[in-house]
PDB file of all heavy atoms in Angstrom:
ATOM      1  N   ARG A   1     107.629 197.510 220.686  1.00  0.00           N
ATOM      2  CA  ARG A   1     108.905 197.104 220.099  1.00  0.00           C
ATOM      3  C   ARG A   1     110.058 197.254 221.105  1.00  0.00           C
ATOM      4  O   ARG A   1     110.094 198.186 221.893  1.00  0.00           O
ATOM      5  CB  ARG A   1     109.178 197.945 218.829  1.00  0.00           C
ATOM      6  CG  ARG A   1     108.150 197.719 217.752  1.00  0.00           C
ATOM      7  CD  ARG A   1     108.451 198.561 216.539  1.00  0.00           C
ATOM      8  NE  ARG A   1     108.164 199.963 216.754  1.00  0.00           N
ATOM      9  CZ  ARG A   1     107.035 200.561 216.414  1.00  0.00           C
ATOM     10  NH1 ARG A   1     106.053 199.865 215.840  1.00  0.00           N
ATOM     11  NH2 ARG A   1     106.869 201.863 216.621  1.00  0.00           N
ATOM     12  N   PHE A   2     111.013 196.304 221.018  1.00  0.00           N
ATOM     13  CA  PHE A   2     112.143 196.258 221.922  1.00  0.00           C
ATOM     14  C   PHE A   2     113.440 196.618 221.136  1.00  0.00           C
ATOM     15  O   PHE A   2     113.693 196.015 220.083  1.00  0.00           O
ATOM     16  CB  PHE A   2     112.282 194.890 222.548  1.00  0.00           C
ATOM     17  CG  PHE A   2     111.143 194.529 223.460  1.00  0.00           C
ATOM     18  CD1 PHE A   2     109.925 194.101 222.959  1.00  0.00           C
ATOM     19  CD2 PHE A   2     111.258 194.649 224.845  1.00  0.00           C
ATOM     20  CE1 PHE A   2     108.869 193.732 223.777  1.00  0.00           C
ATOM     21  CE2 PHE A   2     110.254 194.303 225.703  1.00  0.00           C
ATOM     22  CZ  PHE A   2     109.019 193.866 225.177  1.00  0.00           C
ATOM     23  N   HIS A   3     114.243 197.506 221.740  1.00  0.00           N
ATOM     24  CA  HIS A   3     115.518 197.886 221.100  1.00  0.00           C
ATOM     25  C   HIS A   3     116.619 197.744 222.161  1.00  0.00           C
ATOM     26  O   HIS A   3     117.162 198.756 222.709  1.00  0.00           O
ATOM     27  CB  HIS A   3     115.457 199.354 220.632  1.00  0.00           C
ATOM     28  CG  HIS A   3     114.260 199.626 219.759  1.00  0.00           C
ATOM     29  ND1 HIS A   3     114.294 199.398 218.387  1.00  0.00           N
ATOM     30  CD2 HIS A   3     113.037 200.122 220.046  1.00  0.00           C
ATOM     31  CE1 HIS A   3     113.109 199.779 217.874  1.00  0.00           C
ATOM     32  NE2 HIS A   3     112.329 200.194 218.874  1.00  0.00           N
ATOM     33  N   PRO A   4     117.053 196.503 222.466  1.00  0.00           N
ATOM     34  CA  PRO A   4     118.012 196.296 223.551  1.00  0.00           C
ATOM     35  C   PRO A   4     119.385 196.834 223.313  1.00  0.00           C
ATOM     36  O   PRO A   4     120.142 197.079 224.240  1.00  0.00           O
ATOM     37  CB  PRO A   4     118.023 194.778 223.683  1.00  0.00           C
ATOM     38  CG  PRO A   4     117.585 194.241 222.342  1.00  0.00           C
ATOM     39  CD  PRO A   4     116.615 195.227 221.815  1.00  0.00           C
ATOM     40  N   TRP A   5     119.735 197.027 222.041  1.00  0.00           N
ATOM     41  CA  TRP A   5     121.122 197.491 221.781  1.00  0.00           C
ATOM     42  C   TRP A   5     121.207 198.967 221.494  1.00  0.00           C
ATOM     43  O   TRP A   5     122.263 199.520 221.138  1.00  0.00           O
ATOM     44  CB  TRP A   5     121.685 196.689 220.602  1.00  0.00           C
ATOM     45  CG  TRP A   5     121.563 195.224 220.787  1.00  0.00           C
ATOM     46  CD1 TRP A   5     120.848 194.346 220.041  1.00  0.00           C
ATOM     47  CD2 TRP A   5     122.172 194.431 221.825  1.00  0.00           C
ATOM     48  NE1 TRP A   5     120.939 193.065 220.529  1.00  0.00           N
ATOM     49  CE2 TRP A   5     121.744 193.089 221.629  1.00  0.00           C
ATOM     50  CE3 TRP A   5     123.021 194.738 222.894  1.00  0.00           C
ATOM     51  CZ2 TRP A   5     122.174 192.046 222.455  1.00  0.00           C
ATOM     52  CZ3 TRP A   5     123.414 193.705 223.738  1.00  0.00           C
ATOM     53  CH2 TRP A   5     123.003 192.395 223.523  1.00  0.00           C
ATOM     54  N   ASP A   6     120.088 199.654 221.625  1.00  0.00           N
ATOM     55  CA  ASP A   6     120.063 201.108 221.443  1.00  0.00           C
ATOM     56  C   ASP A   6     119.664 201.798 222.707  1.00  0.00           C
ATOM     57  O   ASP A   6     118.739 201.317 223.410  1.00  0.00           O
ATOM     58  CB  ASP A   6     119.065 201.464 220.291  1.00  0.00           C
ATOM     59  CG  ASP A   6     119.446 200.868 218.958  1.00  0.00           C
ATOM     60  OD1 ASP A   6     120.648 200.823 218.646  1.00  0.00           O
ATOM     61  OD2 ASP A   6     118.550 200.392 218.252  1.00  0.00           O
ATOM     62  N   SER A   7     120.277 202.921 222.993  1.00  0.00           N
ATOM     63  CA  SER A   7     119.925 203.686 224.169  1.00  0.00           C
ATOM     64  C   SER A   7     119.639 205.112 223.771  1.00  0.00           C
ATOM     65  O   SER A   7     120.259 205.675 222.848  1.00  0.00           O
ATOM     66  CB  SER A   7     121.053 203.696 225.205  1.00  0.00           C
ATOM     67  OG  SER A   7     121.196 202.389 225.781  1.00  0.00           O
ATOM     68  N   LEU A   8     118.671 205.735 224.454  1.00  0.00           N
ATOM     69  CA  LEU A   8     118.354 207.136 224.202  1.00  0.00           C
ATOM     70  C   LEU A   8     119.336 208.008 224.981  1.00  0.00           C
ATOM     71  O   LEU A   8     119.988 207.578 225.929  1.00  0.00           O
ATOM     72  CB  LEU A   8     116.901 207.403 224.632  1.00  0.00           C
ATOM     73  CG  LEU A   8     115.852 206.592 223.869  1.00  0.00           C
ATOM     74  CD1 LEU A   8     114.435 206.922 224.387  1.00  0.00           C
ATOM     75  CD2 LEU A   8     115.917 206.825 222.369  1.00  0.00           C
ATOM     76  N   PRO A   9     119.464 209.293 224.598  1.00  0.00           N
ATOM     77  CA  PRO A   9     120.567 210.129 225.104  1.00  0.00           C
ATOM     78  C   PRO A   9     120.599 210.378 226.603  1.00  0.00           C
ATOM     79  O   PRO A   9     121.666 210.311 227.254  1.00  0.00           O
ATOM     80  CB  PRO A   9     120.354 211.478 224.374  1.00  0.00           C
ATOM     81  CG  PRO A   9     119.536 211.129 223.183  1.00  0.00           C
ATOM     82  CD  PRO A   9     118.668 209.995 223.567  1.00  0.00           C
ATOM     83  N   PHE A  10     119.439 210.568 227.242  1.00  0.00           N
ATOM     84  CA  PHE A  10     119.444 211.055 228.625  1.00  0.00           C
ATOM     85  C   PHE A  10     119.701 209.957 229.636  1.00  0.00           C
ATOM     86  O   PHE A  10     120.359 210.165 230.668  1.00  0.00           O
ATOM     87  CB  PHE A  10     118.086 211.731 228.914  1.00  0.00           C
ATOM     88  CG  PHE A  10     117.978 212.263 230.306  1.00  0.00           C
ATOM     89  CD1 PHE A  10     118.683 213.401 230.703  1.00  0.00           C
ATOM     90  CD2 PHE A  10     117.135 211.639 231.218  1.00  0.00           C
ATOM     91  CE1 PHE A  10     118.573 213.880 232.014  1.00  0.00           C
ATOM     92  CE2 PHE A  10     117.011 212.139 232.515  1.00  0.00           C
ATOM     93  CZ  PHE A  10     117.730 213.248 232.903  1.00  0.00           C
ATOM     94  N   HIS A  11     119.152 208.762 229.396  1.00  0.00           N
ATOM     95  CA  HIS A  11     119.238 207.704 230.380  1.00  0.00           C
ATOM     96  C   HIS A  11     119.042 206.360 229.690  1.00  0.00           C
ATOM     97  O   HIS A  11     118.324 206.280 228.665  1.00  0.00           O
ATOM     98  CB  HIS A  11     118.184 207.896 231.473  1.00  0.00           C
ATOM     99  CG  HIS A  11     118.349 207.076 232.698  1.00  0.00           C
ATOM    100  ND1 HIS A  11     117.937 205.757 232.765  1.00  0.00           N
ATOM    101  CD2 HIS A  11     118.852 207.383 233.910  1.00  0.00           C
ATOM    102  CE1 HIS A  11     118.202 205.303 233.999  1.00  0.00           C
ATOM    103  NE2 HIS A  11     118.757 206.251 234.721  1.00  0.00           N
ATOM    104  N   VAL A  12     119.620 205.305 230.242  1.00  0.00           N
ATOM    105  CA  VAL A  12     119.543 204.004 229.596  1.00  0.00           C
ATOM    106  C   VAL A  12     118.132 203.404 229.658  1.00  0.00           C
ATOM    107  O   VAL A  12     117.778 202.574 228.850  1.00  0.00           O
ATOM    108  CB  VAL A  12     120.580 203.052 230.248  1.00  0.00           C
ATOM    109  CG1 VAL A  12     120.204 202.691 231.654  1.00  0.00           C
ATOM    110  CG2 VAL A  12     120.765 201.778 229.365  1.00  0.00           C
ATOM    111  N   ASN A  13     117.327 203.840 230.611  1.00  0.00           N
ATOM    112  CA  ASN A  13     115.959 203.363 230.705  1.00  0.00           C
ATOM    113  C   ASN A  13     115.002 204.278 229.956  1.00  0.00           C
ATOM    114  O   ASN A  13     114.270 205.094 230.554  1.00  0.00           O
ATOM    115  CB  ASN A  13     115.515 203.253 232.201  1.00  0.00           C
ATOM    116  CG  ASN A  13     116.170 202.081 232.921  1.00  0.00           C
ATOM    117  OD1 ASN A  13     116.561 201.108 232.304  1.00  0.00           O
ATOM    118  ND2 ASN A  13     116.319 202.217 234.208  1.00  0.00           N
ATOM    119  N   GLY A  14     115.022 204.218 228.650  1.00  0.00           N
ATOM    120  CA  GLY A  14     114.217 205.123 227.823  1.00  0.00           C
ATOM    121  C   GLY A  14     113.097 204.452 227.088  1.00  0.00           C
ATOM    122  O   GLY A  14     113.149 203.238 226.798  1.00  0.00           O
ATOM    123  N   MET A  15     112.054 205.228 226.793  1.00  0.00           N
ATOM    124  CA  MET A  15     110.884 204.724 226.016  1.00  0.00           C
ATOM    125  C   MET A  15     110.230 205.849 225.292  1.00  0.00           C
ATOM    126  O   MET A  15     110.178 206.974 225.806  1.00  0.00           O
ATOM    127  CB  MET A  15     109.881 204.000 226.966  1.00  0.00           C
ATOM    128  CG  MET A  15     109.496 204.779 228.184  1.00  0.00           C
ATOM    129  SD  MET A  15     108.746 203.798 229.509  1.00  0.00           S
ATOM    130  CE  MET A  15     109.540 204.529 230.928  1.00  0.00           C
ATOM    131  N   ILE A  16     109.761 205.560 224.101  1.00  0.00           N
ATOM    132  CA  ILE A  16     109.049 206.537 223.254  1.00  0.00           C
ATOM    133  C   ILE A  16     107.649 206.066 223.015  1.00  0.00           C
ATOM    134  O   ILE A  16     107.421 204.941 222.526  1.00  0.00           O
ATOM    135  CB  ILE A  16     109.795 206.775 221.946  1.00  0.00           C
ATOM    136  CG1 ILE A  16     111.205 207.329 222.181  1.00  0.00           C
ATOM    137  CG2 ILE A  16     109.020 207.714 221.057  1.00  0.00           C
ATOM    138  CD1 ILE A  16     112.020 207.493 220.939  1.00  0.00           C
ATOM    139  N   PHE A  17     106.689 206.910 223.336  1.00  0.00           N
ATOM    140  CA  PHE A  17     105.265 206.638 223.069  1.00  0.00           C
ATOM    141  C   PHE A  17     104.828 207.487 221.892  1.00  0.00           C
ATOM    142  O   PHE A  17     105.162 208.686 221.816  1.00  0.00           O
ATOM    143  CB  PHE A  17     104.393 206.985 224.282  1.00  0.00           C
ATOM    144  CG  PHE A  17     104.599 206.078 225.453  1.00  0.00           C
ATOM    145  CD1 PHE A  17     105.715 206.177 226.285  1.00  0.00           C
ATOM    146  CD2 PHE A  17     103.657 205.098 225.749  1.00  0.00           C
ATOM    147  CE1 PHE A  17     105.864 205.341 227.374  1.00  0.00           C
ATOM    148  CE2 PHE A  17     103.809 204.252 226.853  1.00  0.00           C
ATOM    149  CZ  PHE A  17     104.915 204.367 227.658  1.00  0.00           C
ATOM    150  N   SER A  18     104.065 206.904 220.992  1.00  0.00           N
ATOM    151  CA  SER A  18     103.566 207.614 219.804  1.00  0.00           C
ATOM    152  C   SER A  18     102.092 207.308 219.590  1.00  0.00           C
ATOM    153  O   SER A  18     101.608 206.204 219.851  1.00  0.00           O
ATOM    154  CB  SER A  18     104.349 207.188 218.545  1.00  0.00           C
ATOM    155  OG  SER A  18     105.741 207.362 218.725  1.00  0.00           O
ATOM    156  N   ALA A  19     101.364 208.342 219.132  1.00  0.00           N
ATOM    157  CA  ALA A  19      99.946 208.183 218.837  1.00  0.00           C
ATOM    158  C   ALA A  19      99.645 208.848 217.511  1.00  0.00           C
ATOM    159  O   ALA A  19     100.199 209.892 217.189  1.00  0.00           O
ATOM    160  CB  ALA A  19      99.087 208.776 219.948  1.00  0.00           C
ATOM    161  N   GLN A  20      98.734 208.232 216.753  1.00  0.00           N
ATOM    162  CA  GLN A  20      98.311 208.808 215.471  1.00  0.00           C
ATOM    163  C   GLN A  20      96.808 209.061 215.533  1.00  0.00           C
ATOM    164  O   GLN A  20      96.066 208.303 216.170  1.00  0.00           O
ATOM    165  CB  GLN A  20      98.610 207.861 214.288  1.00  0.00           C
ATOM    166  CG  GLN A  20     100.107 207.676 214.027  1.00  0.00           C
ATOM    167  CD  GLN A  20     100.734 206.658 214.950  1.00  0.00           C
ATOM    168  OE1 GLN A  20     100.152 205.613 215.211  1.00  0.00           O
ATOM    169  NE2 GLN A  20     101.926 206.930 215.447  1.00  0.00           N
ATOM    170  N   TYR A  21      96.397 210.148 214.851  1.00  0.00           N
ATOM    171  CA  TYR A  21      94.961 210.544 214.840  1.00  0.00           C
ATOM    172  C   TYR A  21      94.433 210.520 213.413  1.00  0.00           C
ATOM    173  O   TYR A  21      95.196 210.513 212.428  1.00  0.00           O
ATOM    174  CB  TYR A  21      94.823 211.955 215.454  1.00  0.00           C
ATOM    175  CG  TYR A  21      95.208 211.997 216.912  1.00  0.00           C
ATOM    176  CD1 TYR A  21      96.533 212.147 217.289  1.00  0.00           C
ATOM    177  CD2 TYR A  21      94.236 211.864 217.900  1.00  0.00           C
ATOM    178  CE1 TYR A  21      96.905 212.149 218.618  1.00  0.00           C
ATOM    179  CE2 TYR A  21      94.606 211.910 219.260  1.00  0.00           C
ATOM    180  CZ  TYR A  21      95.929 212.042 219.611  1.00  0.00           C
ATOM    181  OH  TYR A  21      96.256 212.081 220.937  1.00  0.00           O
ATOM    182  N   GLU A  22      93.083 210.495 213.294  1.00  0.00           N
ATOM    183  CA  GLU A  22      92.466 210.361 211.997  1.00  0.00           C
ATOM    184  C   GLU A  22      92.830 211.507 211.050  1.00  0.00           C
ATOM    185  O   GLU A  22      92.910 211.338 209.826  1.00  0.00           O
ATOM    186  CB  GLU A  22      90.927 210.345 212.134  1.00  0.00           C
ATOM    187  CG  GLU A  22      90.400 208.997 212.664  1.00  0.00           C
ATOM    188  CD  GLU A  22      88.869 208.962 212.640  1.00  0.00           C
ATOM    189  OE1 GLU A  22      88.254 210.013 212.340  1.00  0.00           O
ATOM    190  OE2 GLU A  22      88.290 207.886 212.912  1.00  0.00           O
ATOM    191  N   ASP A  23      93.076 212.713 211.566  1.00  0.00           N
ATOM    192  CA  ASP A  23      93.399 213.853 210.724  1.00  0.00           C
ATOM    193  C   ASP A  23      94.890 213.846 210.285  1.00  0.00           C
ATOM    194  O   ASP A  23      95.346 214.815 209.676  1.00  0.00           O
ATOM    195  CB  ASP A  23      93.072 215.135 211.428  1.00  0.00           C
ATOM    196  CG  ASP A  23      93.863 215.335 212.726  1.00  0.00           C
ATOM    197  OD1 ASP A  23      94.712 214.479 213.057  1.00  0.00           O
ATOM    198  OD2 ASP A  23      93.631 216.370 213.406  1.00  0.00           O
ATOM    199  N   GLY A  24      95.606 212.809 210.646  1.00  0.00           N
ATOM    200  CA  GLY A  24      97.013 212.714 210.246  1.00  0.00           C
ATOM    201  C   GLY A  24      97.968 213.288 211.263  1.00  0.00           C
ATOM    202  O   GLY A  24      99.199 213.167 211.094  1.00  0.00           O
ATOM    203  N   SER A  25      97.498 213.950 212.304  1.00  0.00           N
ATOM    204  CA  SER A  25      98.404 214.502 213.301  1.00  0.00           C
ATOM    205  C   SER A  25      98.952 213.395 214.199  1.00  0.00           C
ATOM    206  O   SER A  25      98.376 212.294 214.271  1.00  0.00           O
ATOM    207  CB  SER A  25      97.651 215.538 214.153  1.00  0.00           C
ATOM    208  OG  SER A  25      96.576 214.921 214.854  1.00  0.00           O
ATOM    209  N   GLU A  26     100.038 213.702 214.886  1.00  0.00           N
ATOM    210  CA  GLU A  26     100.703 212.708 215.707  1.00  0.00           C
ATOM    211  C   GLU A  26     101.086 213.334 217.061  1.00  0.00           C
ATOM    212  O   GLU A  26     101.183 214.593 217.176  1.00  0.00           O
ATOM    213  CB  GLU A  26     101.942 212.169 215.041  1.00  0.00           C
ATOM    214  CG  GLU A  26     101.675 211.441 213.737  1.00  0.00           C
ATOM    215  CD  GLU A  26     102.944 210.868 213.114  1.00  0.00           C
ATOM    216  OE1 GLU A  26     104.061 211.252 213.570  1.00  0.00           O
ATOM    217  OE2 GLU A  26     102.837 210.013 212.212  1.00  0.00           O
ATOM    218  N   LEU A  27     101.230 212.487 218.061  1.00  0.00           N
ATOM    219  CA  LEU A  27     101.691 212.917 219.371  1.00  0.00           C
ATOM    220  C   LEU A  27     102.821 212.000 219.774  1.00  0.00           C
ATOM    221  O   LEU A  27     102.703 210.778 219.690  1.00  0.00           O
ATOM    222  CB  LEU A  27     100.566 212.811 220.395  1.00  0.00           C
ATOM    223  CG  LEU A  27     100.889 213.173 221.860  1.00  0.00           C
ATOM    224  CD1 LEU A  27     101.188 214.659 221.982  1.00  0.00           C
ATOM    225  CD2 LEU A  27      99.719 212.791 222.777  1.00  0.00           C
ATOM    226  N   HIS A  28     103.958 212.586 220.213  1.00  0.00           N
ATOM    227  CA  HIS A  28     105.116 211.788 220.600  1.00  0.00           C
ATOM    228  C   HIS A  28     105.639 212.304 221.952  1.00  0.00           C
ATOM    229  O   HIS A  28     105.673 213.529 222.179  1.00  0.00           O
ATOM    230  CB  HIS A  28     106.247 211.909 219.570  1.00  0.00           C
ATOM    231  CG  HIS A  28     105.853 211.462 218.214  1.00  0.00           C
ATOM    232  ND1 HIS A  28     105.858 210.138 217.827  1.00  0.00           N
ATOM    233  CD2 HIS A  28     105.473 212.191 217.126  1.00  0.00           C
ATOM    234  CE1 HIS A  28     105.473 210.061 216.536  1.00  0.00           C
ATOM    235  NE2 HIS A  28     105.237 211.301 216.093  1.00  0.00           N
ATOM    236  N   ARG A  29     106.034 211.417 222.805  1.00  0.00           N
ATOM    237  CA  ARG A  29     106.703 211.789 224.037  1.00  0.00           C
ATOM    238  C   ARG A  29     107.761 210.745 224.371  1.00  0.00           C
ATOM    239  O   ARG A  29     107.575 209.532 224.169  1.00  0.00           O
ATOM    240  CB  ARG A  29     105.714 211.858 225.212  1.00  0.00           C
ATOM    241  CG  ARG A  29     104.802 213.072 225.195  1.00  0.00           C
ATOM    242  CD  ARG A  29     105.512 214.366 225.382  1.00  0.00           C
ATOM    243  NE  ARG A  29     104.602 215.492 225.505  1.00  0.00           N
ATOM    244  CZ  ARG A  29     104.126 216.169 224.437  1.00  0.00           C
ATOM    245  NH1 ARG A  29     104.453 215.798 223.197  1.00  0.00           N
ATOM    246  NH2 ARG A  29     103.302 217.192 224.631  1.00  0.00           N
ATOM    247  N   THR A  30     108.902 211.241 224.887  1.00  0.00           N
ATOM    248  CA  THR A  30     109.982 210.381 225.306  1.00  0.00           C
ATOM    249  C   THR A  30     110.033 210.387 226.822  1.00  0.00           C
ATOM    250  O   THR A  30     110.080 211.474 227.433  1.00  0.00           O
ATOM    251  CB  THR A  30     111.332 210.849 224.717  1.00  0.00           C
ATOM    252  OG1 THR A  30     111.275 210.830 223.298  1.00  0.00           O
ATOM    253  CG2 THR A  30     112.469 209.933 225.184  1.00  0.00           C
ATOM    254  N   TYR A  31     110.061 209.220 227.430  1.00  0.00           N
ATOM    255  CA  TYR A  31     110.086 209.108 228.862  1.00  0.00           C
ATOM    256  C   TYR A  31     111.336 208.350 229.315  1.00  0.00           C
ATOM    257  O   TYR A  31     111.845 207.491 228.576  1.00  0.00           O
ATOM    258  CB  TYR A  31     108.848 208.358 229.391  1.00  0.00           C
ATOM    259  CG  TYR A  31     107.523 209.032 229.191  1.00  0.00           C
ATOM    260  CD1 TYR A  31     106.841 208.895 227.980  1.00  0.00           C
ATOM    261  CD2 TYR A  31     106.974 209.798 230.211  1.00  0.00           C
ATOM    262  CE1 TYR A  31     105.612 209.528 227.819  1.00  0.00           C
ATOM    263  CE2 TYR A  31     105.752 210.396 230.045  1.00  0.00           C
ATOM    264  CZ  TYR A  31     105.068 210.296 228.818  1.00  0.00           C
ATOM    265  OH  TYR A  31     103.838 210.905 228.652  1.00  0.00           O
ATOM    266  N   TYR A  32     111.809 208.685 230.480  1.00  0.00           N
ATOM    267  CA  TYR A  32     112.943 207.982 231.091  1.00  0.00           C
ATOM    268  C   TYR A  32     112.563 207.529 232.530  1.00  0.00           C
ATOM    269  O   TYR A  32     112.102 208.351 233.318  1.00  0.00           O
ATOM    270  CB  TYR A  32     114.173 208.868 231.144  1.00  0.00           C
ATOM    271  CG  TYR A  32     114.690 209.296 229.787  1.00  0.00           C
ATOM    272  CD1 TYR A  32     114.350 210.509 229.234  1.00  0.00           C
ATOM    273  CD2 TYR A  32     115.545 208.459 229.064  1.00  0.00           C
ATOM    274  CE1 TYR A  32     114.817 210.907 227.990  1.00  0.00           C
ATOM    275  CE2 TYR A  32     116.030 208.841 227.826  1.00  0.00           C
ATOM    276  CZ  TYR A  32     115.649 210.051 227.299  1.00  0.00           C
ATOM    277  OH  TYR A  32     116.153 210.422 226.047  1.00  0.00           O
ATOM    278  N   SER A  33     112.748 206.284 232.793  1.00  0.00           N
ATOM    279  CA  SER A  33     112.516 205.735 234.134  1.00  0.00           C
ATOM    280  C   SER A  33     113.865 205.789 234.878  1.00  0.00           C
ATOM    281  O   SER A  33     114.707 204.939 234.604  1.00  0.00           O
ATOM    282  CB  SER A  33     111.967 204.306 234.042  1.00  0.00           C
ATOM    283  OG  SER A  33     111.682 203.809 235.317  1.00  0.00           O
ATOM    284  N   VAL A  34     114.032 206.752 235.753  1.00  0.00           N
ATOM    285  CA  VAL A  34     115.338 207.053 236.284  1.00  0.00           C
ATOM    286  C   VAL A  34     115.677 206.351 237.611  1.00  0.00           C
ATOM    287  O   VAL A  34     116.687 206.641 238.245  1.00  0.00           O
ATOM    288  CB  VAL A  34     115.543 208.574 236.443  1.00  0.00           C
ATOM    289  CG1 VAL A  34     115.452 209.255 235.118  1.00  0.00           C
ATOM    290  CG2 VAL A  34     114.443 209.199 237.394  1.00  0.00           C
ATOM    291  N   GLY A  35     114.816 205.420 238.043  1.00  0.00           N
ATOM    292  CA  GLY A  35     115.067 204.664 239.246  1.00  0.00           C
ATOM    293  C   GLY A  35     114.087 204.957 240.351  1.00  0.00           C
ATOM    294  O   GLY A  35     113.620 206.076 240.523  1.00  0.00           O
ATOM    295  N   GLY A  36     113.730 203.915 241.098  1.00  0.00           N
ATOM    296  CA  GLY A  36     112.815 204.089 242.218  1.00  0.00           C
ATOM    297  C   GLY A  36     111.391 204.409 241.831  1.00  0.00           C
ATOM    298  O   GLY A  36     110.604 204.847 242.665  1.00  0.00           O
TER     299      GLY A  36
END
C-alpha cells in the first residue's frame, strides 16, 4: 500500500512491514531509508 500524503515521524522515507502467524501473533517493524 502507498501513502504519499502521510509521513512517519523520524524520516520522510518510511515503511512499515507487518506479518501475521497462524496462532494470531503479529510482527511489525518500521524502517527508514535515510539516503545512500
